[in-house]
Amino acid sequence: MTAFREELQQRGLAYAVGISKSLAVWPEPPGGAIPAGNRRGRPTRCVRSGEKKPVSVKALALANEKRFRKVTWREGSHGQLTSHFWATRVQTAPDWNHGQAPGPEVWLLVEWPAGETEPAKYYLCDLPQDLSLRRLVATARGRWRVEQDYQQLKEELGLDHFEGRSWTGWHHHVTMVMLAHLFLRLEQKRRTSKSTVDPAASAP
């Protein structure tokens, strides 16, 4: 998962991905620096972080149990979807014990459902720092929308109808299907916005 996130970062793509509860992070910048070389041998690139050590995301969440807040992110088939969440800015600590520098600062989002003895889900989100908790939750829990879109792409727009064998042909097919899906989404949004306009407000 670390390699996957690093590839997304290198491509400048924002993300919100689930992570393991044992993932180590720095709650605060650890500081440290690369030791000066002695002009002998190959120069070191290892960062020394002093006495500080990273903590697991689970340990960090448990230490902030009282800071979790109730958040509703959308309407489900059986009512509103609600749970308790907490978010904070952290830096990842990949191979910190081997001198690797801390990762960029990102959001750590944790879900702790009511009645559970410990948090259930953890996310790292490379999203704007000024994002509200509700928007952060809605983004991280947006898998339902992705699954709905994928189902529509297959069932209504023919995503799985391609029978060719060339990469170019497949790429063209997928591109056209996605453009068609985007058009339908924009039309749906336009019609919804138009129907919610107050007739009295638009009257001369």
C-alpha atoms as a PDB file:
ATOM      1  CA  MET A   1       0.000   0.000   0.000  1.00  0.00           C
ATOM      2  CA  THR A   2       2.904   2.365   0.692  1.00  0.00           C
ATOM      3  CA  ALA A   3       4.224   1.875  -2.841  1.00  0.00           C
ATOM      4  CA  PHE A   4       0.741   2.517  -4.236  1.00  0.00           C
ATOM      5  CA  ARG A   5       0.406   5.810  -2.342  1.00  0.00           C
ATOM      6  CA  GLU A   6       3.887   6.900  -3.400  1.00  0.00           C
ATOM      7  CA  GLU A   7       3.000   6.292  -7.053  1.00  0.00           C
ATOM      8  CA  LEU A   8      -0.132   8.425  -6.642  1.00  0.00           C
ATOM      9  CA  GLN A   9       1.897  11.205  -5.020  1.00  0.00           C
ATOM     10  CA  GLN A  10       4.457  11.156  -7.830  1.00  0.00           C
ATOM     11  CA  ARG A  11       1.640  11.586 -10.344  1.00  0.00           C
ATOM     12  CA  GLY A  12       0.094  14.443  -8.377  1.00  0.00           C
ATOM     13  CA  LEU A  13      -3.147  12.509  -7.792  1.00  0.00           C
ATOM     14  CA  ALA A  14      -5.207  13.137  -4.663  1.00  0.00           C
ATOM     15  CA  TYR A  15      -6.324  10.031  -2.792  1.00  0.00           C
ATOM     16  CA  ALA A  16      -8.194   8.616   0.195  1.00  0.00           C
ATOM     17  CA  VAL A  17      -7.161   5.016   0.836  1.00  0.00           C
ATOM     18  CA  GLY A  18      -7.762   2.505   3.608  1.00  0.00           C
ATOM     19  CA  ILE A  19      -4.727   1.497   5.640  1.00  0.00           C
ATOM     20  CA  SER A  20      -3.739  -1.026   8.273  1.00  0.00           C
ATOM     21  CA  LYS A  21      -4.164  -0.096  11.939  1.00  0.00           C
ATOM     22  CA  SER A  22      -0.498  -0.939  12.501  1.00  0.00           C
ATOM     23  CA  LEU A  23       0.823   1.651  10.043  1.00  0.00           C
ATOM     24  CA  ALA A  24       3.371   3.918  11.735  1.00  0.00           C
ATOM     25  CA  VAL A  25       3.034   7.704  11.508  1.00  0.00           C
ATOM     26  CA  TRP A  26       4.575  10.818  13.001  1.00  0.00           C
ATOM     27  CA  PRO A  27       1.884  12.842  14.844  1.00  0.00           C
ATOM     28  CA  GLU A  28       4.304  15.769  14.855  1.00  0.00           C
ATOM     29  CA  PRO A  29       7.305  16.533  12.610  1.00  0.00           C
ATOM     30  CA  PRO A  30      10.163  14.465  14.031  1.00  0.00           C
ATOM     31  CA  GLY A  31      12.898  16.851  13.002  1.00  0.00           C
ATOM     32  CA  GLY A  32      16.298  15.255  12.579  1.00  0.00           C
ATOM     33  CA  ALA A  33      18.803  15.605   9.799  1.00  0.00           C
ATOM     34  CA  ILE A  34      21.315  13.698   7.711  1.00  0.00           C
ATOM     35  CA  PRO A  35      24.573  13.412   9.668  1.00  0.00           C
ATOM     36  CA  ALA A  36      27.575  15.195   8.235  1.00  0.00           C
ATOM     37  CA  GLY A  37      29.954  12.905   6.381  1.00  0.00           C
ATOM     38  CA  ASN A  38      33.557  12.246   7.384  1.00  0.00           C
ATOM     39  CA  ARG A  39      34.806  12.499   3.781  1.00  0.00           C
ATOM     40  CA  ARG A  40      35.503   8.783   3.747  1.00  0.00           C
ATOM     41  CA  GLY A  41      33.414   6.245   1.908  1.00  0.00           C
ATOM     42  CA  ARG A  42      29.997   6.775   0.422  1.00  0.00           C
ATOM     43  CA  PRO A  43      28.021   9.680   1.956  1.00  0.00           C
ATOM     44  CA  THR A  44      25.031   8.619   4.043  1.00  0.00           C
ATOM     45  CA  ARG A  45      21.467   9.518   3.136  1.00  0.00           C
ATOM     46  CA  CYS A  46      19.918   8.196   6.329  1.00  0.00           C
ATOM     47  CA  VAL A  47      17.944  10.651   8.445  1.00  0.00           C
ATOM     48  CA  ARG A  48      18.484  10.544  12.206  1.00  0.00           C
ATOM     49  CA  SER A  49      15.328  11.446  14.119  1.00  0.00           C
ATOM     50  CA  GLY A  50      16.771  11.619  17.615  1.00  0.00           C
ATOM     51  CA  GLU A  51      14.836  10.135  20.527  1.00  0.00           C
ATOM     52  CA  LYS A  52      11.397  10.413  18.923  1.00  0.00           C
ATOM     53  CA  LYS A  53       9.657   7.350  17.562  1.00  0.00           C
ATOM     54  CA  PRO A  54       6.552   7.083  15.374  1.00  0.00           C
ATOM     55  CA  VAL A  55       3.348   5.485  16.663  1.00  0.00           C
ATOM     56  CA  SER A  56       0.789   3.197  15.067  1.00  0.00           C
ATOM     57  CA  VAL A  57      -2.404   4.823  13.844  1.00  0.00           C
ATOM     58  CA  LYS A  58      -4.364   2.619  16.251  1.00  0.00           C
ATOM     59  CA  ALA A  59      -2.369   3.820  19.259  1.00  0.00           C
ATOM     60  CA  LEU A  60      -2.806   7.424  18.123  1.00  0.00           C
ATOM     61  CA  ALA A  61      -6.568   6.980  17.744  1.00  0.00           C
ATOM     62  CA  LEU A  62      -6.952   5.339  21.153  1.00  0.00           C
ATOM     63  CA  ALA A  63      -5.056   8.215  22.751  1.00  0.00           C
ATOM     64  CA  ASN A  64      -7.583  10.648  21.227  1.00  0.00           C
ATOM     65  CA  GLU A  65     -10.779   8.732  21.983  1.00  0.00           C
ATOM     66  CA  LYS A  66     -12.596  11.796  23.356  1.00  0.00           C
ATOM     67  CA  ARG A  67     -12.051  13.788  20.153  1.00  0.00           C
ATOM     68  CA  PHE A  68     -14.231  11.602  17.926  1.00  0.00           C
ATOM     69  CA  ARG A  69     -17.337  13.337  16.575  1.00  0.00           C
ATOM     70  CA  LYS A  70     -20.584  12.088  15.073  1.00  0.00           C
ATOM     71  CA  VAL A  71     -20.732  12.633  11.298  1.00  0.00           C
ATOM     72  CA  THR A  72     -23.470  11.879   8.746  1.00  0.00           C
ATOM     73  CA  TRP A  73     -22.153  11.659   5.193  1.00  0.00           C
ATOM     74  CA  ARG A  74     -25.125  10.606   3.032  1.00  0.00           C
ATOM     75  CA  GLU A  75     -28.597   9.122   2.918  1.00  0.00           C
ATOM     76  CA  GLY A  76     -28.630   5.340   2.608  1.00  0.00           C
ATOM     77  CA  SER A  77     -31.392   2.923   1.617  1.00  0.00           C
ATOM     78  CA  HIS A  78     -32.313   2.487   5.292  1.00  0.00           C
ATOM     79  CA  GLY A  79     -31.789   6.027   6.515  1.00  0.00           C
ATOM     80  CA  GLN A  80     -28.845   8.310   7.170  1.00  0.00           C
ATOM     81  CA  LEU A  81     -25.353   6.795   7.285  1.00  0.00           C
ATOM     82  CA  THR A  82     -23.726   7.977  10.501  1.00  0.00           C
ATOM     83  CA  SER A  83     -20.670   7.058  12.537  1.00  0.00           C
ATOM     84  CA  HIS A  84     -18.003   8.675  14.736  1.00  0.00           C
ATOM     85  CA  PHE A  85     -14.814  10.047  13.178  1.00  0.00           C
ATOM     86  CA  TRP A  86     -11.641  11.870  14.098  1.00  0.00           C
ATOM     87  CA  ALA A  87      -9.057  13.381  11.757  1.00  0.00           C
ATOM     88  CA  THR A  88      -5.603  14.835  12.227  1.00  0.00           C
ATOM     89  CA  ARG A  89      -2.584  15.721  10.121  1.00  0.00           C
ATOM     90  CA  VAL A  90       0.321  13.260  10.225  1.00  0.00           C
ATOM     91  CA  GLN A  91       3.434  12.243   8.332  1.00  0.00           C
ATOM     92  CA  THR A  92       3.977   8.637   7.350  1.00  0.00           C
ATOM     93  CA  ALA A  93       7.042   6.849   8.671  1.00  0.00           C
ATOM     94  CA  PRO A  94       8.123   4.301   6.029  1.00  0.00           C
ATOM     95  CA  ASP A  95      11.299   2.462   7.070  1.00  0.00           C
ATOM     96  CA  TRP A  96      12.001   5.143   9.675  1.00  0.00           C
ATOM     97  CA  ASN A  97      14.270   2.738  11.584  1.00  0.00           C
ATOM     98  CA  HIS A  98      16.440   2.502   8.465  1.00  0.00           C
ATOM     99  CA  GLY A  99      16.802   6.255   8.184  1.00  0.00           C
ATOM    100  CA  GLN A 100      14.146   7.017   5.567  1.00  0.00           C
ATOM    101  CA  ALA A 101      12.819  10.560   5.745  1.00  0.00           C
ATOM    102  CA  PRO A 102       9.193  11.166   6.856  1.00  0.00           C
ATOM    103  CA  GLY A 103       6.560  11.197   4.147  1.00  0.00           C
ATOM    104  CA  PRO A 104       4.574  14.325   3.210  1.00  0.00           C
ATOM    105  CA  GLU A 105       1.909  15.587   5.587  1.00  0.00           C
ATOM    106  CA  VAL A 106      -1.525  14.044   4.945  1.00  0.00           C
ATOM    107  CA  TRP A 107      -4.828  13.510   6.729  1.00  0.00           C
ATOM    108  CA  LEU A 108      -5.294  10.521   8.996  1.00  0.00           C
ATOM    109  CA  LEU A 109      -9.017   9.757   9.241  1.00  0.00           C
ATOM    110  CA  VAL A 110     -10.284   7.199  11.750  1.00  0.00           C
ATOM    111  CA  GLU A 111     -13.780   5.745  12.140  1.00  0.00           C
ATOM    112  CA  TRP A 112     -14.906   4.446  15.533  1.00  0.00           C
ATOM    113  CA  PRO A 113     -18.522   3.208  15.405  1.00  0.00           C
ATOM    114  CA  ALA A 114     -20.648   3.652  18.512  1.00  0.00           C
ATOM    115  CA  GLY A 115     -20.580   0.611  20.765  1.00  0.00           C
ATOM    116  CA  GLU A 116     -17.290  -0.742  19.405  1.00  0.00           C
ATOM    117  CA  THR A 117     -14.316  -1.241  21.706  1.00  0.00           C
ATOM    118  CA  GLU A 118     -11.831   0.183  19.204  1.00  0.00           C
ATOM    119  CA  PRO A 119     -11.729   1.984  15.846  1.00  0.00           C
ATOM    120  CA  ALA A 120     -12.915   0.012  12.849  1.00  0.00           C
ATOM    121  CA  LYS A 121     -11.368   1.784   9.846  1.00  0.00           C
ATOM    122  CA  TYR A 122      -8.352   3.944   9.110  1.00  0.00           C
ATOM    123  CA  TYR A 123      -7.661   6.111   6.058  1.00  0.00           C
ATOM    124  CA  LEU A 124      -4.814   8.247   4.760  1.00  0.00           C
ATOM    125  CA  CYS A 125      -6.081  11.132   2.651  1.00  0.00           C
ATOM    126  CA  ASP A 126      -3.902  13.389   0.543  1.00  0.00           C
ATOM    127  CA  LEU A 127      -6.556  16.121   0.441  1.00  0.00           C
ATOM    128  CA  PRO A 128      -6.561  19.883   1.140  1.00  0.00           C
ATOM    129  CA  GLN A 129      -5.661  20.876   4.683  1.00  0.00           C
ATOM    130  CA  ASP A 130      -8.715  23.146   5.015  1.00  0.00           C
ATOM    131  CA  LEU A 131     -11.203  20.373   4.194  1.00  0.00           C
ATOM    132  CA  SER A 132     -13.978  19.982   6.772  1.00  0.00           C
ATOM    133  CA  LEU A 133     -14.384  16.712   8.675  1.00  0.00           C
ATOM    134  CA  ARG A 134     -17.693  16.034   6.942  1.00  0.00           C
ATOM    135  CA  ARG A 135     -16.194  16.514   3.463  1.00  0.00           C
ATOM    136  CA  LEU A 136     -13.250  14.364   4.438  1.00  0.00           C
ATOM    137  CA  VAL A 137     -15.562  11.576   5.603  1.00  0.00           C
ATOM    138  CA  ALA A 138     -17.764  11.838   2.510  1.00  0.00           C
ATOM    139  CA  THR A 139     -14.707  11.526   0.275  1.00  0.00           C
ATOM    140  CA  ALA A 140     -13.189   8.584   2.138  1.00  0.00           C
ATOM    141  CA  ARG A 141     -16.537   6.804   2.282  1.00  0.00           C
ATOM    142  CA  GLY A 142     -17.277   7.441  -1.393  1.00  0.00           C
ATOM    143  CA  ARG A 143     -16.757   3.848  -2.452  1.00  0.00           C
ATOM    144  CA  TRP A 144     -20.513   3.370  -2.899  1.00  0.00           C
ATOM    145  CA  ARG A 145     -20.609   6.066  -5.582  1.00  0.00           C
ATOM    146  CA  VAL A 146     -17.636   4.512  -7.386  1.00  0.00           C
ATOM    147  CA  GLU A 147     -19.339   1.104  -7.374  1.00  0.00           C
ATOM    148  CA  GLN A 148     -22.588   2.630  -8.648  1.00  0.00           C
ATOM    149  CA  ASP A 149     -20.756   4.419 -11.445  1.00  0.00           C
ATOM    150  CA  TYR A 150     -18.882   1.262 -12.409  1.00  0.00           C
ATOM    151  CA  GLN A 151     -22.130  -0.704 -12.532  1.00  0.00           C
ATOM    152  CA  GLN A 152     -23.715   1.947 -14.749  1.00  0.00           C
ATOM    153  CA  LEU A 153     -20.659   1.957 -17.024  1.00  0.00           C
ATOM    154  CA  LYS A 154     -21.085  -1.790 -17.562  1.00  0.00           C
ATOM    155  CA  GLU A 155     -24.849  -2.197 -17.657  1.00  0.00           C
ATOM    156  CA  GLU A 156     -25.939   0.976 -19.453  1.00  0.00           C
ATOM    157  CA  LEU A 157     -22.944   2.200 -21.445  1.00  0.00           C
ATOM    158  CA  GLY A 158     -21.242  -1.011 -22.581  1.00  0.00           C
ATOM    159  CA  LEU A 159     -17.946  -0.885 -20.725  1.00  0.00           C
ATOM    160  CA  ASP A 160     -17.637  -4.685 -20.871  1.00  0.00           C
ATOM    161  CA  HIS A 161     -18.733  -5.021 -24.520  1.00  0.00           C
ATOM    162  CA  PHE A 162     -15.272  -4.561 -26.015  1.00  0.00           C
ATOM    163  CA  GLU A 163     -14.063  -7.752 -27.720  1.00  0.00           C
ATOM    164  CA  GLY A 164     -10.857  -6.547 -29.355  1.00  0.00           C
ATOM    165  CA  ARG A 165      -7.331  -7.532 -28.372  1.00  0.00           C
ATOM    166  CA  SER A 166      -5.302  -4.362 -28.892  1.00  0.00           C
ATOM    167  CA  TRP A 167      -4.411  -1.877 -26.162  1.00  0.00           C
ATOM    168  CA  THR A 168      -5.262   1.049 -28.454  1.00  0.00           C
ATOM    169  CA  GLY A 169      -8.707  -0.307 -29.213  1.00  0.00           C
ATOM    170  CA  TRP A 170      -9.468  -1.027 -25.579  1.00  0.00           C
ATOM    171  CA  HIS A 171      -8.199   2.415 -24.545  1.00  0.00           C
ATOM    172  CA  HIS A 172     -10.416   4.142 -27.128  1.00  0.00           C
ATOM    173  CA  HIS A 173     -13.441   2.112 -26.026  1.00  0.00           C
ATOM    174  CA  VAL A 174     -12.971   2.899 -22.340  1.00  0.00           C
ATOM    175  CA  THR A 175     -12.372   6.582 -23.083  1.00  0.00           C
ATOM    176  CA  MET A 176     -15.603   6.916 -25.067  1.00  0.00           C
ATOM    177  CA  VAL A 177     -17.600   5.087 -22.381  1.00  0.00           C
ATOM    178  CA  MET A 178     -16.221   7.364 -19.685  1.00  0.00           C
ATOM    179  CA  LEU A 179     -17.001  10.470 -21.738  1.00  0.00           C
ATOM    180  CA  ALA A 180     -20.563   9.241 -22.206  1.00  0.00           C
ATOM    181  CA  HIS A 181     -20.854   8.659 -18.475  1.00  0.00           C
ATOM    182  CA  LEU A 182     -19.524  12.143 -17.733  1.00  0.00           C
ATOM    183  CA  PHE A 183     -22.076  13.659 -20.122  1.00  0.00           C
ATOM    184  CA  LEU A 184     -24.934  11.820 -18.410  1.00  0.00           C
ATOM    185  CA  ARG A 185     -23.730  12.909 -14.963  1.00  0.00           C
ATOM    186  CA  LEU A 186     -23.519  16.553 -16.034  1.00  0.00           C
ATOM    187  CA  GLU A 187     -26.990  16.382 -17.582  1.00  0.00           C
ATOM    188  CA  GLN A 188     -28.354  14.806 -14.413  1.00  0.00           C
ATOM    189  CA  LYS A 189     -26.784  17.552 -12.320  1.00  0.00           C
ATOM    190  CA  ARG A 190     -28.079  20.282 -14.661  1.00  0.00           C
ATOM    191  CA  ARG A 191     -31.637  18.934 -14.591  1.00  0.00           C
ATOM    192  CA  THR A 192     -31.562  18.539 -10.810  1.00  0.00           C
ATOM    193  CA  SER A 193     -30.296  22.095 -10.340  1.00  0.00           C
ATOM    194  CA  LYS A 194     -32.935  23.424 -12.739  1.00  0.00           C
ATOM    195  CA  SER A 195     -35.782  21.632 -10.947  1.00  0.00           C
ATOM    196  CA  THR A 196     -34.752  23.015  -7.554  1.00  0.00           C
ATOM    197  CA  VAL A 197     -34.834  26.683  -8.680  1.00  0.00           C
ATOM    198  CA  ASP A 198     -37.639  28.622  -7.052  1.00  0.00           C
ATOM    199  CA  PRO A 199     -40.024  29.750  -9.871  1.00  0.00           C
ATOM    200  CA  ALA A 200     -40.861  32.907  -7.931  1.00  0.00           C
ATOM    201  CA  ALA A 201     -37.195  33.846  -7.710  1.00  0.00           C
ATOM    202  CA  SER A 202     -36.741  33.551 -11.490  1.00  0.00           C
ATOM    203  CA  ALA A 203     -39.903  35.483 -12.381  1.00  0.00           C
ATOM    204  CA  PRO A 204     -39.418  39.026 -13.779  1.00  0.00           C
END
